[in-house]
Amino acid sequence: MTDLPADAVPPEALRVVATIPTDPARAADAGAALAALAAASREEEGCFAYDVYESTSAPGTFVTVEAWRSQADMDAHMATPHLAEAFTVLGPLVAGDIALHPLRAV
């Protein structure tokens, strides 16, 4: 985790949005797994922000909004045990394609 205040994300940060469609009947289970993932991810070196939301227009669809110091930090995140653990729970709940959207400012 970085030493910046929680609301301070440098403009050069790598921002990523992911959409994760899950079975709406199991949204509580998916939400709990994603909340645990977010909490652990916020403690990672290079993580400026990691928030999880559930869509109000598409129940069971979760969105993560992340900010990383670099691509290398995000790549390291993708290999963490807590990400693998979350997807052990999420795997059978996923109901569609997970989409990762690295963003650039315009």
PDB file of N, CA and C in Angstrom:
ATOM      1  N   MET A   1       0.845  -1.166   0.000  1.00  0.00           N
ATOM      2  CA  MET A   1       0.000   0.000   0.000  1.00  0.00           C
ATOM      3  C   MET A   1       0.895   1.235   0.000  1.00  0.00           C
ATOM      4  N   THR A   2       0.441   2.285  -0.639  1.00  0.00           N
ATOM      5  CA  THR A   2       1.229   3.505  -0.719  1.00  0.00           C
ATOM      6  C   THR A   2       0.985   4.371   0.508  1.00  0.00           C
ATOM      7  N   ASP A   3       1.793   5.424   0.644  1.00  0.00           N
ATOM      8  CA  ASP A   3       1.669   6.316   1.789  1.00  0.00           C
ATOM      9  C   ASP A   3       0.817   7.549   1.494  1.00  0.00           C
ATOM     10  N   LEU A   4       0.132   7.582   0.364  1.00  0.00           N
ATOM     11  CA  LEU A   4      -0.716   8.716   0.028  1.00  0.00           C
ATOM     12  C   LEU A   4      -2.022   8.652   0.804  1.00  0.00           C
ATOM     13  N   PRO A   5      -2.651   9.803   1.042  1.00  0.00           N
ATOM     14  CA  PRO A   5      -3.994   9.773   1.636  1.00  0.00           C
ATOM     15  C   PRO A   5      -4.928   8.969   0.734  1.00  0.00           C
ATOM     16  N   ALA A   6      -5.963   8.382   1.325  1.00  0.00           N
ATOM     17  CA  ALA A   6      -6.861   7.494   0.579  1.00  0.00           C
ATOM     18  C   ALA A   6      -7.476   8.148  -0.649  1.00  0.00           C
ATOM     19  N   ASP A   7      -7.695   9.458  -0.594  1.00  0.00           N
ATOM     20  CA  ASP A   7      -8.343  10.129  -1.724  1.00  0.00           C
ATOM     21  C   ASP A   7      -7.342  10.712  -2.723  1.00  0.00           C
ATOM     22  N   ALA A   8      -6.062  10.448  -2.530  1.00  0.00           N
ATOM     23  CA  ALA A   8      -5.039  11.008  -3.422  1.00  0.00           C
ATOM     24  C   ALA A   8      -4.502   9.918  -4.347  1.00  0.00           C
ATOM     25  N   VAL A   9      -4.915   9.990  -5.590  1.00  0.00           N
ATOM     26  CA  VAL A   9      -4.410   9.068  -6.609  1.00  0.00           C
ATOM     27  C   VAL A   9      -3.667   9.915  -7.620  1.00  0.00           C
ATOM     28  N   PRO A  10      -2.386   9.652  -7.818  1.00  0.00           N
ATOM     29  CA  PRO A  10      -1.633  10.471  -8.761  1.00  0.00           C
ATOM     30  C   PRO A  10      -2.200  10.344 -10.180  1.00  0.00           C
ATOM     31  N   PRO A  11      -2.113  11.401 -10.963  1.00  0.00           N
ATOM     32  CA  PRO A  11      -2.685  11.371 -12.313  1.00  0.00           C
ATOM     33  C   PRO A  11      -2.058  10.316 -13.212  1.00  0.00           C
ATOM     34  N   GLU A  12      -0.823   9.925 -12.954  1.00  0.00           N
ATOM     35  CA  GLU A  12      -0.165   8.928 -13.803  1.00  0.00           C
ATOM     36  C   GLU A  12      -0.498   7.485 -13.405  1.00  0.00           C
ATOM     37  N   ALA A  13      -1.331   7.306 -12.385  1.00  0.00           N
ATOM     38  CA  ALA A  13      -1.683   5.956 -11.933  1.00  0.00           C
ATOM     39  C   ALA A  13      -2.385   5.182 -13.046  1.00  0.00           C
ATOM     40  N   LEU A  14      -2.160   3.876 -13.048  1.00  0.00           N
ATOM     41  CA  LEU A  14      -2.873   2.985 -13.951  1.00  0.00           C
ATOM     42  C   LEU A  14      -4.243   2.725 -13.333  1.00  0.00           C
ATOM     43  N   ARG A  15      -5.265   3.131 -14.026  1.00  0.00           N
ATOM     44  CA  ARG A  15      -6.630   2.916 -13.544  1.00  0.00           C
ATOM     45  C   ARG A  15      -7.241   1.770 -14.326  1.00  0.00           C
ATOM     46  N   VAL A  16      -7.955   0.926 -13.603  1.00  0.00           N
ATOM     47  CA  VAL A  16      -8.543  -0.267 -14.200  1.00  0.00           C
ATOM     48  C   VAL A  16      -9.960  -0.425 -13.673  1.00  0.00           C
ATOM     49  N   VAL A  17     -10.871  -0.741 -14.577  1.00  0.00           N
ATOM     50  CA  VAL A  17     -12.233  -1.090 -14.209  1.00  0.00           C
ATOM     51  C   VAL A  17     -12.473  -2.511 -14.686  1.00  0.00           C
ATOM     52  N   ALA A  18     -13.039  -3.331 -13.828  1.00  0.00           N
ATOM     53  CA  ALA A  18     -13.394  -4.697 -14.210  1.00  0.00           C
ATOM     54  C   ALA A  18     -14.877  -4.895 -13.964  1.00  0.00           C
ATOM     55  N   THR A  19     -15.535  -5.581 -14.878  1.00  0.00           N
ATOM     56  CA  THR A  19     -16.930  -5.955 -14.675  1.00  0.00           C
ATOM     57  C   THR A  19     -16.994  -7.466 -14.525  1.00  0.00           C
ATOM     58  N   ILE A  20     -17.741  -7.887 -13.516  1.00  0.00           N
ATOM     59  CA  ILE A  20     -17.809  -9.306 -13.160  1.00  0.00           C
ATOM     60  C   ILE A  20     -19.281  -9.681 -13.029  1.00  0.00           C
ATOM     61  N   PRO A  21     -19.846 -10.310 -14.062  1.00  0.00           N
ATOM     62  CA  PRO A  21     -21.248 -10.719 -13.974  1.00  0.00           C
ATOM     63  C   PRO A  21     -21.370 -12.035 -13.204  1.00  0.00           C
ATOM     64  N   THR A  22     -22.260 -12.058 -12.224  1.00  0.00           N
ATOM     65  CA  THR A  22     -22.462 -13.275 -11.439  1.00  0.00           C
ATOM     66  C   THR A  22     -23.947 -13.617 -11.406  1.00  0.00           C
ATOM     67  N   ASP A  23     -24.231 -14.811 -10.941  1.00  0.00           N
ATOM     68  CA  ASP A  23     -25.610 -15.264 -10.766  1.00  0.00           C
ATOM     69  C   ASP A  23     -26.277 -14.352  -9.727  1.00  0.00           C
ATOM     70  N   PRO A  24     -27.311 -13.609 -10.116  1.00  0.00           N
ATOM     71  CA  PRO A  24     -27.946 -12.695  -9.154  1.00  0.00           C
ATOM     72  C   PRO A  24     -28.448 -13.395  -7.892  1.00  0.00           C
ATOM     73  N   ALA A  25     -28.824 -14.654  -8.006  1.00  0.00           N
ATOM     74  CA  ALA A  25     -29.298 -15.394  -6.833  1.00  0.00           C
ATOM     75  C   ALA A  25     -28.180 -15.645  -5.826  1.00  0.00           C
ATOM     76  N   ARG A  26     -26.928 -15.528  -6.268  1.00  0.00           N
ATOM     77  CA  ARG A  26     -25.765 -15.754  -5.400  1.00  0.00           C
ATOM     78  C   ARG A  26     -24.953 -14.476  -5.213  1.00  0.00           C
ATOM     79  N   ALA A  27     -25.576 -13.325  -5.462  1.00  0.00           N
ATOM     80  CA  ALA A  27     -24.865 -12.053  -5.387  1.00  0.00           C
ATOM     81  C   ALA A  27     -24.271 -11.802  -4.000  1.00  0.00           C
ATOM     82  N   ALA A  28     -24.925 -12.235  -2.953  1.00  0.00           N
ATOM     83  CA  ALA A  28     -24.386 -12.018  -1.603  1.00  0.00           C
ATOM     84  C   ALA A  28     -23.054 -12.756  -1.433  1.00  0.00           C
ATOM     85  N   ASP A  29     -22.975 -13.976  -1.947  1.00  0.00           N
ATOM     86  CA  ASP A  29     -21.726 -14.741  -1.863  1.00  0.00           C
ATOM     87  C   ASP A  29     -20.624 -14.072  -2.687  1.00  0.00           C
ATOM     88  N   ALA A  30     -20.986 -13.649  -3.893  1.00  0.00           N
ATOM     89  CA  ALA A  30     -20.010 -12.979  -4.755  1.00  0.00           C
ATOM     90  C   ALA A  30     -19.547 -11.674  -4.123  1.00  0.00           C
ATOM     91  N   GLY A  31     -20.481 -10.915  -3.582  1.00  0.00           N
ATOM     92  CA  GLY A  31     -20.131  -9.639  -2.953  1.00  0.00           C
ATOM     93  C   GLY A  31     -19.188  -9.821  -1.775  1.00  0.00           C
ATOM     94  N   ALA A  32     -19.424 -10.844  -0.977  1.00  0.00           N
ATOM     95  CA  ALA A  32     -18.550 -11.102   0.173  1.00  0.00           C
ATOM     96  C   ALA A  32     -17.140 -11.464  -0.293  1.00  0.00           C
ATOM     97  N   ALA A  33     -17.035 -12.300  -1.328  1.00  0.00           N
ATOM     98  CA  ALA A  33     -15.716 -12.674  -1.851  1.00  0.00           C
ATOM     99  C   ALA A  33     -14.997 -11.460  -2.426  1.00  0.00           C
ATOM    100  N   LEU A  34     -15.724 -10.609  -3.129  1.00  0.00           N
ATOM    101  CA  LEU A  34     -15.105  -9.422  -3.722  1.00  0.00           C
ATOM    102  C   LEU A  34     -14.735  -8.380  -2.667  1.00  0.00           C
ATOM    103  N   ALA A  35     -15.532  -8.266  -1.614  1.00  0.00           N
ATOM    104  CA  ALA A  35     -15.188  -7.341  -0.530  1.00  0.00           C
ATOM    105  C   ALA A  35     -13.898  -7.780   0.157  1.00  0.00           C
ATOM    106  N   ALA A  36     -13.746  -9.082   0.380  1.00  0.00           N
ATOM    107  CA  ALA A  36     -12.511  -9.599   0.986  1.00  0.00           C
ATOM    108  C   ALA A  36     -11.326  -9.368   0.055  1.00  0.00           C
ATOM    109  N   LEU A  37     -11.535  -9.587  -1.240  1.00  0.00           N
ATOM    110  CA  LEU A  37     -10.477  -9.339  -2.221  1.00  0.00           C
ATOM    111  C   LEU A  37     -10.059  -7.874  -2.202  1.00  0.00           C
ATOM    112  N   ALA A  38     -11.021  -6.977  -2.177  1.00  0.00           N
ATOM    113  CA  ALA A  38     -10.711  -5.545  -2.178  1.00  0.00           C
ATOM    114  C   ALA A  38      -9.909  -5.160  -0.936  1.00  0.00           C
ATOM    115  N   ALA A  39     -10.322  -5.656   0.213  1.00  0.00           N
ATOM    116  CA  ALA A  39      -9.615  -5.321   1.462  1.00  0.00           C
ATOM    117  C   ALA A  39      -8.163  -5.791   1.405  1.00  0.00           C
ATOM    118  N   ALA A  40      -7.928  -7.007   0.939  1.00  0.00           N
ATOM    119  CA  ALA A  40      -6.562  -7.523   0.841  1.00  0.00           C
ATOM    120  C   ALA A  40      -5.769  -6.766  -0.226  1.00  0.00           C
ATOM    121  N   SER A  41      -6.412  -6.432  -1.331  1.00  0.00           N
ATOM    122  CA  SER A  41      -5.725  -5.739  -2.422  1.00  0.00           C
ATOM    123  C   SER A  41      -5.281  -4.342  -2.013  1.00  0.00           C
ATOM    124  N   ARG A  42      -6.076  -3.675  -1.197  1.00  0.00           N
ATOM    125  CA  ARG A  42      -5.703  -2.325  -0.733  1.00  0.00           C
ATOM    126  C   ARG A  42      -4.409  -2.329   0.057  1.00  0.00           C
ATOM    127  N   GLU A  43      -4.030  -3.480   0.604  1.00  0.00           N
ATOM    128  CA  GLU A  43      -2.798  -3.599   1.385  1.00  0.00           C
ATOM    129  C   GLU A  43      -1.575  -3.879   0.515  1.00  0.00           C
ATOM    130  N   GLU A  44      -1.773  -4.121  -0.771  1.00  0.00           N
ATOM    131  CA  GLU A  44      -0.661  -4.444  -1.655  1.00  0.00           C
ATOM    132  C   GLU A  44       0.198  -3.223  -1.956  1.00  0.00           C
ATOM    133  N   GLU A  45       1.487  -3.473  -2.119  1.00  0.00           N
ATOM    134  CA  GLU A  45       2.411  -2.438  -2.572  1.00  0.00           C
ATOM    135  C   GLU A  45       1.942  -1.967  -3.952  1.00  0.00           C
ATOM    136  N   GLY A  46       1.840  -0.662  -4.116  1.00  0.00           N
ATOM    137  CA  GLY A  46       1.471  -0.108  -5.420  1.00  0.00           C
ATOM    138  C   GLY A  46      -0.010   0.078  -5.642  1.00  0.00           C
ATOM    139  N   CYS A  47      -0.842  -0.317  -4.685  1.00  0.00           N
ATOM    140  CA  CYS A  47      -2.288  -0.125  -4.835  1.00  0.00           C
ATOM    141  C   CYS A  47      -2.686   1.219  -4.221  1.00  0.00           C
ATOM    142  N   PHE A  48      -3.216   2.104  -5.059  1.00  0.00           N
ATOM    143  CA  PHE A  48      -3.723   3.390  -4.572  1.00  0.00           C
ATOM    144  C   PHE A  48      -5.191   3.298  -4.177  1.00  0.00           C
ATOM    145  N   ALA A  49      -5.950   2.467  -4.883  1.00  0.00           N
ATOM    146  CA  ALA A  49      -7.386   2.343  -4.608  1.00  0.00           C
ATOM    147  C   ALA A  49      -7.893   1.022  -5.168  1.00  0.00           C
ATOM    148  N   TYR A  50      -8.868   0.442  -4.470  1.00  0.00           N
ATOM    149  CA  TYR A  50      -9.508  -0.788  -4.947  1.00  0.00           C
ATOM    150  C   TYR A  50     -10.889  -0.820  -4.314  1.00  0.00           C
ATOM    151  N   ASP A  51     -11.886  -0.491  -5.104  1.00  0.00           N
ATOM    152  CA  ASP A  51     -13.263  -0.430  -4.614  1.00  0.00           C
ATOM    153  C   ASP A  51     -14.135  -1.374  -5.423  1.00  0.00           C
ATOM    154  N   VAL A  52     -15.179  -1.897  -4.777  1.00  0.00           N
ATOM    155  CA  VAL A  52     -16.100  -2.833  -5.423  1.00  0.00           C
ATOM    156  C   VAL A  52     -17.511  -2.290  -5.280  1.00  0.00           C
ATOM    157  N   TYR A  53     -18.249  -2.383  -6.378  1.00  0.00           N
ATOM    158  CA  TYR A  53     -19.637  -1.934  -6.406  1.00  0.00           C
ATOM    159  C   TYR A  53     -20.493  -3.004  -7.062  1.00  0.00           C
ATOM    160  N   GLU A  54     -21.761  -3.063  -6.687  1.00  0.00           N
ATOM    161  CA  GLU A  54     -22.725  -3.891  -7.405  1.00  0.00           C
ATOM    162  C   GLU A  54     -23.634  -2.966  -8.177  1.00  0.00           C
ATOM    163  N   SER A  55     -23.867  -3.303  -9.421  1.00  0.00           N
ATOM    164  CA  SER A  55     -24.737  -2.501 -10.276  1.00  0.00           C
ATOM    165  C   SER A  55     -26.162  -2.504  -9.729  1.00  0.00           C
ATOM    166  N   THR A  56     -26.786  -1.339  -9.709  1.00  0.00           N
ATOM    167  CA  THR A  56     -28.195  -1.273  -9.309  1.00  0.00           C
ATOM    168  C   THR A  56     -29.116  -1.537 -10.497  1.00  0.00           C
ATOM    169  N   SER A  57     -28.586  -1.445 -11.714  1.00  0.00           N
ATOM    170  CA  SER A  57     -29.414  -1.711 -12.890  1.00  0.00           C
ATOM    171  C   SER A  57     -29.266  -3.146 -13.393  1.00  0.00           C
ATOM    172  N   ALA A  58     -28.221  -3.846 -12.967  1.00  0.00           N
ATOM    173  CA  ALA A  58     -27.995  -5.240 -13.358  1.00  0.00           C
ATOM    174  C   ALA A  58     -27.557  -6.016 -12.119  1.00  0.00           C
ATOM    175  N   PRO A  59     -28.509  -6.407 -11.260  1.00  0.00           N
ATOM    176  CA  PRO A  59     -28.155  -7.119 -10.029  1.00  0.00           C
ATOM    177  C   PRO A  59     -27.259  -8.326 -10.324  1.00  0.00           C
ATOM    178  N   GLY A  60     -26.271  -8.501  -9.458  1.00  0.00           N
ATOM    179  CA  GLY A  60     -25.313  -9.586  -9.636  1.00  0.00           C
ATOM    180  C   GLY A  60     -24.117  -9.206 -10.483  1.00  0.00           C
ATOM    181  N   THR A  61     -24.147  -8.023 -11.076  1.00  0.00           N
ATOM    182  CA  THR A  61     -22.989  -7.542 -11.835  1.00  0.00           C
ATOM    183  C   THR A  61     -22.180  -6.631 -10.929  1.00  0.00           C
ATOM    184  N   PHE A  62     -20.926  -7.013 -10.731  1.00  0.00           N
ATOM    185  CA  PHE A  62     -20.032  -6.261  -9.863  1.00  0.00           C
ATOM    186  C   PHE A  62     -19.010  -5.524 -10.712  1.00  0.00           C
ATOM    187  N   VAL A  63     -18.583  -4.384 -10.197  1.00  0.00           N
ATOM    188  CA  VAL A  63     -17.595  -3.547 -10.881  1.00  0.00           C
ATOM    189  C   VAL A  63     -16.504  -3.214  -9.875  1.00  0.00           C
ATOM    190  N   THR A  64     -15.252  -3.475 -10.259  1.00  0.00           N
ATOM    191  CA  THR A  64     -14.145  -3.005  -9.436  1.00  0.00           C
ATOM    192  C   THR A  64     -13.560  -1.773 -10.103  1.00  0.00           C
ATOM    193  N   VAL A  65     -13.170  -0.821  -9.279  1.00  0.00           N
ATOM    194  CA  VAL A  65     -12.525   0.409  -9.736  1.00  0.00           C
ATOM    195  C   VAL A  65     -11.197   0.467  -8.991  1.00  0.00           C
ATOM    196  N   GLU A  66     -10.118   0.362  -9.758  1.00  0.00           N
ATOM    197  CA  GLU A  66      -8.791   0.203  -9.165  1.00  0.00           C
ATOM    198  C   GLU A  66      -7.838   1.283  -9.668  1.00  0.00           C
ATOM    199  N   ALA A  67      -6.838   1.581  -8.865  1.00  0.00           N
ATOM    200  CA  ALA A  67      -5.750   2.477  -9.281  1.00  0.00           C
ATOM    201  C   ALA A  67      -4.448   1.876  -8.771  1.00  0.00           C
ATOM    202  N   TRP A  68      -3.506   1.703  -9.710  1.00  0.00           N
ATOM    203  CA  TRP A  68      -2.221   1.071  -9.423  1.00  0.00           C
ATOM    204  C   TRP A  68      -1.081   2.001  -9.791  1.00  0.00           C
ATOM    205  N   ARG A  69       0.005   1.896  -9.063  1.00  0.00           N
ATOM    206  CA  ARG A  69       1.192   2.702  -9.331  1.00  0.00           C
ATOM    207  C   ARG A  69       1.751   2.397 -10.717  1.00  0.00           C
ATOM    208  N   SER A  70       1.684   1.127 -11.149  1.00  0.00           N
ATOM    209  CA  SER A  70       2.273   0.747 -12.433  1.00  0.00           C
ATOM    210  C   SER A  70       1.641  -0.545 -12.935  1.00  0.00           C
ATOM    211  N   GLN A  71       1.919  -0.847 -14.190  1.00  0.00           N
ATOM    212  CA  GLN A  71       1.474  -2.119 -14.761  1.00  0.00           C
ATOM    213  C   GLN A  71       2.104  -3.285 -14.003  1.00  0.00           C
ATOM    214  N   ALA A  72       3.352  -3.130 -13.602  1.00  0.00           N
ATOM    215  CA  ALA A  72       4.026  -4.196 -12.852  1.00  0.00           C
ATOM    216  C   ALA A  72       3.310  -4.485 -11.534  1.00  0.00           C
ATOM    217  N   ASP A  73       2.821  -3.441 -10.864  1.00  0.00           N
ATOM    218  CA  ASP A  73       2.082  -3.649  -9.616  1.00  0.00           C
ATOM    219  C   ASP A  73       0.763  -4.382  -9.878  1.00  0.00           C
ATOM    220  N   MET A  74       0.076  -4.007 -10.946  1.00  0.00           N
ATOM    221  CA  MET A  74      -1.162  -4.703 -11.278  1.00  0.00           C
ATOM    222  C   MET A  74      -0.878  -6.157 -11.668  1.00  0.00           C
ATOM    223  N   ASP A  75       0.196  -6.377 -12.429  1.00  0.00           N
ATOM    224  CA  ASP A  75       0.564  -7.741 -12.799  1.00  0.00           C
ATOM    225  C   ASP A  75       0.864  -8.581 -11.557  1.00  0.00           C
ATOM    226  N   ALA A  76       1.552  -7.990 -10.589  1.00  0.00           N
ATOM    227  CA  ALA A  76       1.836  -8.702  -9.334  1.00  0.00           C
ATOM    228  C   ALA A  76       0.530  -9.031  -8.606  1.00  0.00           C
ATOM    229  N   HIS A  77      -0.410  -8.104  -8.627  1.00  0.00           N
ATOM    230  CA  HIS A  77      -1.725  -8.330  -8.013  1.00  0.00           C
ATOM    231  C   HIS A  77      -2.406  -9.559  -8.622  1.00  0.00           C
ATOM    232  N   MET A  78      -2.285  -9.711  -9.931  1.00  0.00           N
ATOM    233  CA  MET A  78      -2.963 -10.812 -10.624  1.00  0.00           C
ATOM    234  C   MET A  78      -2.419 -12.178 -10.192  1.00  0.00           C
ATOM    235  N   ALA A  79      -1.261 -12.206  -9.543  1.00  0.00           N
ATOM    236  CA  ALA A  79      -0.653 -13.463  -9.102  1.00  0.00           C
ATOM    237  C   ALA A  79      -0.749 -13.680  -7.593  1.00  0.00           C
ATOM    238  N   THR A  80      -1.535 -12.850  -6.891  1.00  0.00           N
ATOM    239  CA  THR A  80      -1.593 -12.962  -5.436  1.00  0.00           C
ATOM    240  C   THR A  80      -2.504 -14.102  -4.983  1.00  0.00           C
ATOM    241  N   PRO A  81      -2.200 -14.671  -3.833  1.00  0.00           N
ATOM    242  CA  PRO A  81      -3.057 -15.731  -3.283  1.00  0.00           C
ATOM    243  C   PRO A  81      -4.477 -15.246  -3.004  1.00  0.00           C
ATOM    244  N   HIS A  82      -4.641 -13.981  -2.585  1.00  0.00           N
ATOM    245  CA  HIS A  82      -6.004 -13.532  -2.282  1.00  0.00           C
ATOM    246  C   HIS A  82      -6.852 -13.390  -3.543  1.00  0.00           C
ATOM    247  N   LEU A  83      -6.242 -13.100  -4.688  1.00  0.00           N
ATOM    248  CA  LEU A  83      -7.007 -13.076  -5.938  1.00  0.00           C
ATOM    249  C   LEU A  83      -7.420 -14.501  -6.313  1.00  0.00           C
ATOM    250  N   ALA A  84      -6.485 -15.445  -6.195  1.00  0.00           N
ATOM    251  CA  ALA A  84      -6.811 -16.844  -6.487  1.00  0.00           C
ATOM    252  C   ALA A  84      -7.911 -17.350  -5.560  1.00  0.00           C
ATOM    253  N   GLU A  85      -7.836 -16.990  -4.289  1.00  0.00           N
ATOM    254  CA  GLU A  85      -8.837 -17.420  -3.317  1.00  0.00           C
ATOM    255  C   GLU A  85     -10.212 -16.859  -3.676  1.00  0.00           C
ATOM    256  N   ALA A  86     -10.262 -15.578  -4.048  1.00  0.00           N
ATOM    257  CA  ALA A  86     -11.538 -14.967  -4.420  1.00  0.00           C
ATOM    258  C   ALA A  86     -12.147 -15.690  -5.614  1.00  0.00           C
ATOM    259  N   PHE A  87     -11.321 -16.038  -6.590  1.00  0.00           N
ATOM    260  CA  PHE A  87     -11.870 -16.680  -7.784  1.00  0.00           C
ATOM    261  C   PHE A  87     -12.181 -18.153  -7.572  1.00  0.00           C
ATOM    262  N   THR A  88     -11.663 -18.748  -6.502  1.00  0.00           N
ATOM    263  CA  THR A  88     -12.112 -20.086  -6.123  1.00  0.00           C
ATOM    264  C   THR A  88     -13.581 -20.018  -5.727  1.00  0.00           C
ATOM    265  N   VAL A  89     -13.952 -18.965  -4.996  1.00  0.00           N
ATOM    266  CA  VAL A  89     -15.352 -18.760  -4.605  1.00  0.00           C
ATOM    267  C   VAL A  89     -16.164 -18.276  -5.806  1.00  0.00           C
ATOM    268  N   LEU A  90     -15.639 -17.309  -6.539  1.00  0.00           N
ATOM    269  CA  LEU A  90     -16.391 -16.688  -7.630  1.00  0.00           C
ATOM    270  C   LEU A  90     -16.569 -17.591  -8.843  1.00  0.00           C
ATOM    271  N   GLY A  91     -15.619 -18.476  -9.092  1.00  0.00           N
ATOM    272  CA  GLY A  91     -15.653 -19.293 -10.305  1.00  0.00           C
ATOM    273  C   GLY A  91     -17.023 -19.861 -10.644  1.00  0.00           C
ATOM    274  N   PRO A  92     -17.648 -20.599  -9.720  1.00  0.00           N
ATOM    275  CA  PRO A  92     -18.950 -21.182 -10.050  1.00  0.00           C
ATOM    276  C   PRO A  92     -20.086 -20.161 -10.086  1.00  0.00           C
ATOM    277  N   LEU A  93     -19.831 -18.942  -9.626  1.00  0.00           N
ATOM    278  CA  LEU A  93     -20.877 -17.909  -9.596  1.00  0.00           C
ATOM    279  C   LEU A  93     -20.873 -17.018 -10.828  1.00  0.00           C
ATOM    280  N   VAL A  94     -19.773 -17.030 -11.569  1.00  0.00           N
ATOM    281  CA  VAL A  94     -19.637 -16.145 -12.735  1.00  0.00           C
ATOM    282  C   VAL A  94     -20.648 -16.561 -13.794  1.00  0.00           C
ATOM    283  N   ALA A  95     -21.351 -15.558 -14.327  1.00  0.00           N
ATOM    284  CA  ALA A  95     -22.410 -15.798 -15.306  1.00  0.00           C
ATOM    285  C   ALA A  95     -22.179 -14.947 -16.549  1.00  0.00           C
ATOM    286  N   GLY A  96     -21.036 -15.124 -17.163  1.00  0.00           N
ATOM    287  CA  GLY A  96     -20.705 -14.342 -18.356  1.00  0.00           C
ATOM    288  C   GLY A  96     -19.219 -14.066 -18.367  1.00  0.00           C
ATOM    289  N   ASP A  97     -18.837 -13.178 -19.269  1.00  0.00           N
ATOM    290  CA  ASP A  97     -17.422 -12.842 -19.408  1.00  0.00           C
ATOM    291  C   ASP A  97     -17.005 -11.744 -18.439  1.00  0.00           C
ATOM    292  N   ILE A  98     -15.884 -11.953 -17.778  1.00  0.00           N
ATOM    293  CA  ILE A  98     -15.282 -10.905 -16.962  1.00  0.00           C
ATOM    294  C   ILE A  98     -14.494 -10.012 -17.909  1.00  0.00           C
ATOM    295  N   ALA A  99     -14.687  -8.719 -17.773  1.00  0.00           N
ATOM    296  CA  ALA A  99     -13.994  -7.774 -18.661  1.00  0.00           C
ATOM    297  C   ALA A  99     -13.105  -6.848 -17.850  1.00  0.00           C
ATOM    298  N   LEU A 100     -11.833  -6.777 -18.223  1.00  0.00           N
ATOM    299  CA  LEU A 100     -10.882  -5.839 -17.614  1.00  0.00           C
ATOM    300  C   LEU A 100     -10.703  -4.668 -18.576  1.00  0.00           C
ATOM    301  N   HIS A 101     -10.785  -3.469 -18.033  1.00  0.00           N
ATOM    302  CA  HIS A 101     -10.648  -2.262 -18.846  1.00  0.00           C
ATOM    303  C   HIS A 101      -9.562  -1.366 -18.264  1.00  0.00           C
ATOM    304  N   PRO A 102      -8.298  -1.528 -18.683  1.00  0.00           N
ATOM    305  CA  PRO A 102      -7.283  -0.540 -18.311  1.00  0.00           C
ATOM    306  C   PRO A 102      -7.670   0.778 -18.994  1.00  0.00           C
ATOM    307  N   LEU A 103      -7.519   1.870 -18.287  1.00  0.00           N
ATOM    308  CA  LEU A 103      -7.981   3.160 -18.782  1.00  0.00           C
ATOM    309  C   LEU A 103      -6.829   4.130 -19.004  1.00  0.00           C
ATOM    310  N   ARG A 104      -7.024   5.036 -19.938  1.00  0.00           N
ATOM    311  CA  ARG A 104      -6.092   6.148 -20.123  1.00  0.00           C
ATOM    312  C   ARG A 104      -6.901   7.427 -20.145  1.00  0.00           C
ATOM    313  N   ALA A 105      -6.324   8.457 -19.627  1.00  0.00           N
ATOM    314  CA  ALA A 105      -7.012   9.752 -19.570  1.00  0.00           C
ATOM    315  C   ALA A 105      -7.144  10.332 -20.968  1.00  0.00           C
ATOM    316  N   VAL A 106      -8.216  11.044 -21.192  1.00  0.00           N
ATOM    317  CA  VAL A 106      -8.416  11.744 -22.474  1.00  0.00           C
ATOM    318  C   VAL A 106      -8.587  13.223 -22.211  1.00  0.00           C
TER     319      VAL A 106
END
